[in-house]
Amino acid sequence: MLMEWIKPGILVSSLVFALMGVLIFWLCFLVIDKITPYNLWEEIVEKQNRALALVVAAMSLGICLIVAAAIH
């Protein structure tokens, strides 16, 4: 009875699309990290640059929305 409403094909395709979305996001983040004149991780974590962290968070949400819309 449990497998009647959880179809394995839908579950697998959802997992594949989720993995694709994460990979695309990570690639976009790496590209943006490379084109900026400084190391984002070092600036945010070691130097505690909160303004840059906020900009990176907004950029990350933007990329995630674009990837989600493209996959949907």
N, C-alpha and C. Protein backbone atom coordinates (compact mmCIF):
# COMPACT_ATOMS: atom_id res chain seq x y z
N MET A 1 0.82 -1.19 0.00
CA MET A 1 0.00 0.00 0.00
C MET A 1 0.87 1.26 0.00
N LEU A 2 2.02 1.19 0.62
CA LEU A 2 2.91 2.35 0.68
C LEU A 2 3.44 2.72 -0.70
N MET A 3 3.73 1.74 -1.52
CA MET A 3 4.31 2.00 -2.84
C MET A 3 3.27 2.46 -3.86
N GLU A 4 1.99 2.43 -3.51
CA GLU A 4 0.98 2.89 -4.44
C GLU A 4 1.05 4.39 -4.66
N TRP A 5 1.36 5.15 -3.63
CA TRP A 5 1.41 6.60 -3.79
C TRP A 5 2.84 7.10 -3.92
N ILE A 6 3.82 6.26 -3.64
CA ILE A 6 5.22 6.61 -3.90
C ILE A 6 5.67 5.79 -5.10
N LYS A 7 5.67 6.41 -6.23
CA LYS A 7 6.08 5.72 -7.45
C LYS A 7 7.61 5.82 -7.57
N PRO A 8 8.29 4.68 -7.76
CA PRO A 8 9.76 4.70 -7.81
C PRO A 8 10.31 5.57 -8.93
N GLY A 9 9.66 5.62 -10.06
CA GLY A 9 10.14 6.45 -11.17
C GLY A 9 10.12 7.93 -10.83
N ILE A 10 9.08 8.37 -10.16
CA ILE A 10 8.98 9.78 -9.76
C ILE A 10 10.02 10.10 -8.70
N LEU A 11 10.23 9.20 -7.77
CA LEU A 11 11.22 9.42 -6.72
C LEU A 11 12.63 9.51 -7.31
N VAL A 12 12.95 8.63 -8.22
CA VAL A 12 14.28 8.63 -8.85
C VAL A 12 14.48 9.89 -9.68
N SER A 13 13.48 10.29 -10.45
CA SER A 13 13.62 11.49 -11.26
C SER A 13 13.75 12.74 -10.39
N SER A 14 13.04 12.77 -9.26
CA SER A 14 13.17 13.90 -8.34
C SER A 14 14.57 13.98 -7.77
N LEU A 15 15.13 12.84 -7.40
CA LEU A 15 16.49 12.81 -6.88
C LEU A 15 17.52 13.23 -7.93
N VAL A 16 17.31 12.79 -9.17
CA VAL A 16 18.22 13.16 -10.25
C VAL A 16 18.16 14.66 -10.51
N PHE A 17 16.96 15.24 -10.56
CA PHE A 17 16.84 16.68 -10.78
C PHE A 17 17.41 17.47 -9.61
N ALA A 18 17.22 16.99 -8.39
CA ALA A 18 17.79 17.67 -7.24
C ALA A 18 19.32 17.66 -7.31
N LEU A 19 19.89 16.54 -7.66
CA LEU A 19 21.34 16.43 -7.80
C LEU A 19 21.86 17.32 -8.92
N MET A 20 21.13 17.35 -10.04
CA MET A 20 21.52 18.24 -11.14
C MET A 20 21.48 19.70 -10.71
N GLY A 21 20.46 20.08 -9.97
CA GLY A 21 20.35 21.46 -9.49
C GLY A 21 21.49 21.84 -8.58
N VAL A 22 21.86 20.94 -7.68
CA VAL A 22 22.98 21.22 -6.77
C VAL A 22 24.29 21.33 -7.54
N LEU A 23 24.50 20.44 -8.50
CA LEU A 23 25.73 20.49 -9.29
C LEU A 23 25.82 21.77 -10.13
N ILE A 24 24.72 22.15 -10.74
CA ILE A 24 24.71 23.38 -11.54
C ILE A 24 24.96 24.58 -10.65
N PHE A 25 24.33 24.61 -9.48
CA PHE A 25 24.57 25.71 -8.55
C PHE A 25 26.03 25.77 -8.14
N TRP A 26 26.61 24.64 -7.81
CA TRP A 26 28.01 24.61 -7.38
C TRP A 26 28.94 25.09 -8.49
N LEU A 27 28.68 24.67 -9.72
CA LEU A 27 29.50 25.12 -10.85
C LEU A 27 29.38 26.63 -11.05
N CYS A 28 28.16 27.15 -10.97
CA CYS A 28 27.96 28.60 -11.09
C CYS A 28 28.68 29.35 -9.98
N PHE A 29 28.63 28.83 -8.77
CA PHE A 29 29.31 29.47 -7.66
C PHE A 29 30.82 29.48 -7.87
N LEU A 30 31.36 28.37 -8.37
CA LEU A 30 32.80 28.31 -8.63
C LEU A 30 33.22 29.29 -9.72
N VAL A 31 32.39 29.42 -10.75
CA VAL A 31 32.69 30.38 -11.82
C VAL A 31 32.69 31.80 -11.27
N ILE A 32 31.70 32.12 -10.47
CA ILE A 32 31.63 33.47 -9.89
C ILE A 32 32.80 33.70 -8.94
N ASP A 33 33.19 32.67 -8.21
CA ASP A 33 34.34 32.79 -7.31
C ASP A 33 35.61 33.06 -8.11
N LYS A 34 35.73 32.45 -9.27
CA LYS A 34 36.93 32.65 -10.11
C LYS A 34 36.96 34.02 -10.76
N ILE A 35 35.80 34.59 -11.11
CA ILE A 35 35.82 35.88 -11.81
C ILE A 35 35.89 37.07 -10.86
N THR A 36 35.69 36.83 -9.56
CA THR A 36 35.85 37.93 -8.61
C THR A 36 37.34 38.12 -8.31
N PRO A 37 37.75 39.33 -7.98
CA PRO A 37 39.18 39.59 -7.79
C PRO A 37 39.75 39.05 -6.47
N TYR A 38 38.94 38.43 -5.64
CA TYR A 38 39.40 37.92 -4.35
C TYR A 38 38.76 36.57 -4.10
N ASN A 39 39.29 35.86 -3.12
CA ASN A 39 38.76 34.56 -2.76
C ASN A 39 37.55 34.76 -1.85
N LEU A 40 36.38 34.36 -2.30
CA LEU A 40 35.15 34.59 -1.54
C LEU A 40 35.19 33.91 -0.18
N TRP A 41 35.64 32.66 -0.15
CA TRP A 41 35.64 31.92 1.11
C TRP A 41 36.55 32.59 2.13
N GLU A 42 37.73 32.99 1.70
CA GLU A 42 38.67 33.65 2.61
C GLU A 42 38.12 34.98 3.12
N GLU A 43 37.51 35.75 2.23
CA GLU A 43 36.94 37.04 2.63
C GLU A 43 35.81 36.87 3.63
N ILE A 44 34.95 35.90 3.40
CA ILE A 44 33.77 35.73 4.25
C ILE A 44 34.13 35.06 5.58
N VAL A 45 34.90 33.99 5.53
CA VAL A 45 35.16 33.20 6.73
C VAL A 45 36.29 33.80 7.57
N GLU A 46 37.42 34.09 6.95
CA GLU A 46 38.58 34.53 7.72
C GLU A 46 38.53 36.01 8.06
N LYS A 47 38.10 36.84 7.12
CA LYS A 47 38.07 38.28 7.36
C LYS A 47 36.73 38.79 7.87
N GLN A 48 35.74 37.89 7.98
CA GLN A 48 34.42 38.22 8.51
C GLN A 48 33.74 39.38 7.77
N ASN A 49 33.82 39.36 6.46
CA ASN A 49 33.23 40.41 5.63
C ASN A 49 31.73 40.11 5.49
N ARG A 50 30.92 40.73 6.33
CA ARG A 50 29.48 40.45 6.35
C ARG A 50 28.76 41.02 5.14
N ALA A 51 29.23 42.14 4.64
CA ALA A 51 28.59 42.72 3.46
C ALA A 51 28.76 41.81 2.25
N LEU A 52 29.95 41.27 2.09
CA LEU A 52 30.19 40.33 0.99
C LEU A 52 29.39 39.05 1.19
N ALA A 53 29.26 38.61 2.42
CA ALA A 53 28.46 37.41 2.70
C ALA A 53 27.01 37.63 2.30
N LEU A 54 26.49 38.81 2.54
CA LEU A 54 25.11 39.12 2.16
C LEU A 54 24.95 39.15 0.64
N VAL A 55 25.93 39.71 -0.05
CA VAL A 55 25.89 39.74 -1.51
C VAL A 55 25.97 38.32 -2.09
N VAL A 56 26.85 37.50 -1.53
CA VAL A 56 26.98 36.11 -1.99
C VAL A 56 25.70 35.33 -1.70
N ALA A 57 25.07 35.58 -0.56
CA ALA A 57 23.81 34.91 -0.24
C ALA A 57 22.72 35.28 -1.24
N ALA A 58 22.63 36.56 -1.58
CA ALA A 58 21.63 37.00 -2.56
C ALA A 58 21.93 36.40 -3.94
N MET A 59 23.21 36.35 -4.30
CA MET A 59 23.61 35.75 -5.57
C MET A 59 23.26 34.26 -5.59
N SER A 60 23.49 33.60 -4.47
CA SER A 60 23.18 32.17 -4.39
C SER A 60 21.69 31.92 -4.54
N LEU A 61 20.88 32.73 -3.89
CA LEU A 61 19.43 32.58 -4.04
C LEU A 61 18.98 32.83 -5.48
N GLY A 62 19.58 33.82 -6.12
CA GLY A 62 19.26 34.09 -7.52
C GLY A 62 19.60 32.93 -8.42
N ILE A 63 20.79 32.36 -8.24
CA ILE A 63 21.19 31.20 -9.04
C ILE A 63 20.26 30.03 -8.78
N CYS A 64 19.90 29.81 -7.51
CA CYS A 64 19.01 28.70 -7.16
C CYS A 64 17.63 28.87 -7.80
N LEU A 65 17.12 30.08 -7.83
CA LEU A 65 15.82 30.32 -8.46
C LEU A 65 15.88 30.06 -9.97
N ILE A 66 16.96 30.48 -10.59
CA ILE A 66 17.11 30.25 -12.04
C ILE A 66 17.20 28.76 -12.34
N VAL A 67 18.00 28.04 -11.56
CA VAL A 67 18.16 26.60 -11.77
C VAL A 67 16.83 25.88 -11.51
N ALA A 68 16.13 26.26 -10.46
CA ALA A 68 14.84 25.62 -10.15
C ALA A 68 13.82 25.88 -11.26
N ALA A 69 13.79 27.09 -11.78
CA ALA A 69 12.85 27.39 -12.87
C ALA A 69 13.22 26.64 -14.14
N ALA A 70 14.50 26.49 -14.39
CA ALA A 70 14.93 25.77 -15.60
C ALA A 70 14.62 24.29 -15.49
N ILE A 71 14.76 23.71 -14.31
CA ILE A 71 14.48 22.30 -14.13
C ILE A 71 12.98 22.01 -14.08
N HIS A 72 12.24 22.94 -13.53
CA HIS A 72 10.80 22.74 -13.39
C HIS A 72 10.16 22.76 -14.75
